[in-house]
N, C-alpha and C. Protein backbone atom coordinates (compact mmCIF):
# COMPACT_ATOMS: atom_id res chain seq x y z
N UNK A 1 -3.57 13.89 -0.19
CA UNK A 1 -2.42 12.91 -0.42
C UNK A 1 -1.12 13.65 -0.29
N UNK A 2 -0.18 13.10 0.37
CA UNK A 2 1.06 13.63 0.57
C UNK A 2 2.09 12.97 -0.44
N UNK A 3 3.13 13.72 -0.71
CA UNK A 3 4.17 13.27 -1.68
C UNK A 3 5.44 13.23 -0.92
N UNK A 4 6.25 12.28 -1.31
CA UNK A 4 7.62 12.25 -0.68
C UNK A 4 8.59 12.06 -1.87
N UNK A 5 9.84 12.39 -1.55
CA UNK A 5 10.88 12.36 -2.54
C UNK A 5 12.18 11.85 -2.01
N UNK A 6 12.87 11.09 -2.94
CA UNK A 6 14.25 10.65 -2.42
C UNK A 6 15.10 10.59 -3.66
N UNK A 7 16.38 10.90 -3.43
CA UNK A 7 17.26 10.93 -4.58
C UNK A 7 17.67 9.48 -4.81
N UNK A 8 17.74 9.10 -6.07
CA UNK A 8 18.13 7.77 -6.44
C UNK A 8 19.37 7.98 -7.34
N UNK A 9 20.49 7.31 -7.02
CA UNK A 9 21.63 7.32 -7.75
C UNK A 9 22.61 6.13 -7.36
N UNK A 10 23.83 6.26 -7.86
CA UNK A 10 24.74 5.25 -7.49
C UNK A 10 24.97 5.20 -5.96
N UNK A 11 24.88 3.96 -5.35
CA UNK A 11 24.90 3.77 -3.89
C UNK A 11 23.67 3.87 -3.19
N UNK A 12 22.45 4.12 -3.90
CA UNK A 12 21.06 3.85 -3.19
C UNK A 12 20.83 2.36 -3.13
N UNK A 13 20.28 2.08 -1.96
CA UNK A 13 19.93 0.62 -1.71
C UNK A 13 18.44 0.43 -1.77
N UNK A 14 18.05 -0.73 -2.39
CA UNK A 14 16.67 -1.06 -2.50
C UNK A 14 16.51 -2.58 -2.01
N UNK A 15 15.22 -2.90 -1.77
CA UNK A 15 14.90 -4.33 -1.65
C UNK A 15 14.18 -4.64 -2.91
N UNK A 16 14.76 -5.62 -3.74
CA UNK A 16 14.12 -5.98 -4.99
C UNK A 16 13.86 -7.53 -4.95
N UNK A 17 12.61 -7.97 -5.06
CA UNK A 17 12.36 -9.40 -4.98
C UNK A 17 12.88 -9.99 -3.68
N UNK A 18 12.82 -9.35 -2.58
CA UNK A 18 13.34 -9.79 -1.26
C UNK A 18 14.84 -9.76 -1.08
N UNK A 19 15.62 -9.30 -2.01
CA UNK A 19 17.01 -9.22 -1.91
C UNK A 19 17.47 -7.73 -1.85
N UNK A 20 18.44 -7.50 -0.91
CA UNK A 20 18.95 -6.10 -0.90
C UNK A 20 19.96 -5.94 -2.07
N UNK A 21 19.67 -4.88 -2.75
CA UNK A 21 20.58 -4.53 -3.96
C UNK A 21 20.94 -3.07 -3.83
N UNK A 22 22.04 -2.76 -4.57
CA UNK A 22 22.55 -1.44 -4.59
C UNK A 22 22.69 -1.09 -5.98
N UNK A 23 22.36 0.34 -6.29
CA UNK A 23 22.55 0.88 -7.69
C UNK A 23 23.98 1.11 -7.81
N UNK A 24 24.64 0.44 -8.86
CA UNK A 24 26.04 0.68 -9.12
C UNK A 24 26.34 1.42 -10.45
N UNK A 25 25.23 1.52 -11.27
CA UNK A 25 25.40 2.33 -12.49
C UNK A 25 24.11 2.84 -12.99
N UNK A 26 24.03 3.98 -13.58
CA UNK A 26 22.81 4.54 -14.19
C UNK A 26 23.21 4.86 -15.60
N UNK A 27 22.21 4.61 -16.50
CA UNK A 27 22.39 4.88 -17.99
C UNK A 27 21.21 5.47 -18.63
N UNK A 28 21.35 6.44 -19.46
CA UNK A 28 20.26 6.97 -20.26
C UNK A 28 20.27 6.27 -21.65
N UNK A 29 19.26 5.64 -22.00
CA UNK A 29 19.26 4.88 -23.26
C UNK A 29 18.08 5.47 -24.10
N UNK A 30 18.01 5.02 -25.38
CA UNK A 30 16.88 5.45 -26.24
C UNK A 30 15.54 4.86 -25.70
N UNK A 31 15.64 3.76 -24.96
CA UNK A 31 14.41 3.18 -24.32
C UNK A 31 14.00 3.78 -23.12
N UNK A 32 14.86 4.66 -22.44
CA UNK A 32 14.61 5.33 -21.24
C UNK A 32 15.71 5.13 -20.25
N UNK A 33 15.56 5.65 -19.09
CA UNK A 33 16.69 5.50 -18.08
C UNK A 33 16.71 4.05 -17.52
N UNK A 34 18.03 3.58 -17.32
CA UNK A 34 18.15 2.17 -16.76
C UNK A 34 19.12 2.23 -15.69
N UNK A 35 19.02 1.27 -14.79
CA UNK A 35 19.97 1.13 -13.65
C UNK A 35 20.61 -0.24 -13.72
N UNK A 36 21.74 -0.30 -13.15
CA UNK A 36 22.41 -1.68 -12.95
C UNK A 36 22.50 -1.81 -11.44
N UNK A 37 21.89 -2.93 -10.98
CA UNK A 37 21.88 -3.34 -9.59
C UNK A 37 22.84 -4.43 -9.25
N UNK A 38 23.40 -4.40 -8.05
CA UNK A 38 24.37 -5.40 -7.61
C UNK A 38 23.72 -6.09 -6.35
N UNK A 39 23.61 -7.37 -6.26
CA UNK A 39 23.22 -7.96 -4.98
C UNK A 39 24.37 -8.29 -4.14
N UNK A 40 24.09 -8.96 -2.95
CA UNK A 40 25.23 -9.20 -2.05
C UNK A 40 26.07 -10.31 -2.43
N UNK A 41 25.73 -11.07 -3.52
CA UNK A 41 26.51 -12.10 -4.16
C UNK A 41 27.46 -11.57 -5.21
N UNK A 42 27.30 -10.27 -5.59
CA UNK A 42 28.04 -9.65 -6.64
C UNK A 42 27.30 -9.82 -8.07
N UNK A 43 26.21 -10.40 -8.08
CA UNK A 43 25.37 -10.60 -9.34
C UNK A 43 24.86 -9.21 -9.80
N UNK A 44 24.85 -8.97 -11.12
CA UNK A 44 24.44 -7.78 -11.64
C UNK A 44 23.01 -7.91 -12.35
N UNK A 45 22.15 -6.99 -12.22
CA UNK A 45 20.87 -6.98 -12.89
C UNK A 45 20.56 -5.61 -13.37
N UNK A 46 20.19 -5.60 -14.71
CA UNK A 46 19.94 -4.36 -15.37
C UNK A 46 18.39 -4.17 -15.62
N UNK A 47 17.77 -3.20 -15.24
CA UNK A 47 16.45 -2.96 -15.48
C UNK A 47 16.03 -1.45 -15.55
N UNK A 48 14.87 -1.12 -15.97
CA UNK A 48 14.50 0.20 -16.19
C UNK A 48 14.28 0.95 -14.79
N UNK A 49 14.58 2.20 -14.74
CA UNK A 49 14.44 2.97 -13.61
C UNK A 49 12.92 3.02 -13.21
N UNK A 50 12.09 3.05 -14.28
CA UNK A 50 10.69 3.02 -14.02
C UNK A 50 10.23 1.76 -13.12
N UNK A 51 10.76 0.62 -13.63
CA UNK A 51 10.52 -0.64 -12.89
C UNK A 51 10.86 -0.55 -11.46
N UNK A 52 12.06 -0.04 -11.25
CA UNK A 52 12.58 0.07 -9.86
C UNK A 52 11.81 1.02 -9.02
N UNK A 53 11.32 2.01 -9.59
CA UNK A 53 10.56 2.99 -8.80
C UNK A 53 9.09 2.86 -8.55
N UNK A 54 8.51 2.09 -9.61
CA UNK A 54 7.03 2.03 -9.40
C UNK A 54 6.57 0.51 -9.31
N UNK A 55 7.37 -0.43 -9.28
CA UNK A 55 7.05 -1.83 -9.07
C UNK A 55 6.76 -2.17 -7.70
N UNK A 56 5.81 -3.12 -7.51
CA UNK A 56 5.54 -3.59 -6.12
C UNK A 56 6.70 -4.47 -5.64
N UNK A 57 7.51 -4.91 -6.61
CA UNK A 57 8.79 -5.80 -6.32
C UNK A 57 9.85 -5.06 -5.64
N UNK A 58 9.78 -3.66 -5.57
CA UNK A 58 11.00 -2.91 -5.15
C UNK A 58 10.56 -1.92 -4.09
N UNK A 59 11.38 -1.72 -3.10
CA UNK A 59 11.21 -0.71 -2.05
C UNK A 59 12.49 -0.04 -1.69
N UNK A 60 12.44 1.26 -1.48
CA UNK A 60 13.64 1.89 -1.08
C UNK A 60 14.08 1.53 0.34
N UNK A 61 15.31 1.32 0.54
CA UNK A 61 15.93 1.04 1.89
C UNK A 61 16.33 2.38 2.51
N UNK A 62 15.95 2.57 3.73
CA UNK A 62 16.36 3.75 4.40
C UNK A 62 17.64 3.47 5.18
N UNK A 63 18.47 4.57 5.51
CA UNK A 63 19.62 4.38 6.26
C UNK A 63 19.46 3.58 7.55
N UNK A 64 18.29 3.89 8.25
CA UNK A 64 18.06 3.31 9.52
C UNK A 64 17.82 1.72 9.34
N UNK A 65 17.14 1.36 8.34
CA UNK A 65 17.07 -0.15 8.01
C UNK A 65 18.33 -0.79 7.85
N UNK A 66 19.25 -0.15 7.09
CA UNK A 66 20.57 -0.67 6.77
C UNK A 66 21.41 -0.77 8.15
N UNK A 67 21.22 0.12 9.00
CA UNK A 67 21.98 0.17 10.25
C UNK A 67 21.46 -0.99 11.12
N UNK A 68 20.14 -1.18 11.20
CA UNK A 68 19.64 -2.28 11.96
C UNK A 68 20.00 -3.66 11.47
N UNK A 69 20.11 -3.70 10.13
CA UNK A 69 20.60 -5.00 9.47
C UNK A 69 22.12 -5.29 9.93
N UNK A 70 22.96 -4.25 9.95
CA UNK A 70 24.33 -4.39 10.27
C UNK A 70 24.47 -4.84 11.83
N UNK A 71 23.65 -4.11 12.68
CA UNK A 71 23.71 -4.50 14.07
C UNK A 71 23.21 -5.77 14.37
N UNK A 72 22.14 -6.13 13.67
CA UNK A 72 21.61 -7.51 13.81
C UNK A 72 22.57 -8.67 13.44
N UNK A 73 23.35 -8.37 12.32
CA UNK A 73 24.22 -9.34 11.89
C UNK A 73 25.52 -9.48 12.88
N UNK A 74 25.85 -8.33 13.48
CA UNK A 74 26.92 -8.42 14.40
C UNK A 74 26.56 -9.10 15.74
N UNK A 75 25.26 -8.95 16.15
CA UNK A 75 24.81 -9.71 17.29
C UNK A 75 24.75 -11.12 17.18
N UNK A 76 24.67 -11.60 15.91
CA UNK A 76 24.56 -13.00 15.69
C UNK A 76 25.89 -13.70 15.66
N UNK A 77 26.83 -13.02 15.76
CA UNK A 77 28.31 -13.59 15.80
C UNK A 77 28.65 -14.17 17.08
């Protein structure tokens, strides 16, 4: 089995429930580490970092995926 690693912090992009979200804040609480996510409509969602990293509902967005999304939206104009 191989292992992979990626840094997660403010500015990291994920797909969560089919929506592209960005980490805008991280907080250490007594319940554990939490993140605040912002979607493209500006709505905020707070959830545990564990949920974000290990849930089937979330996947890390790579820089290449984000570039293809921007290029695709420009072609549609």
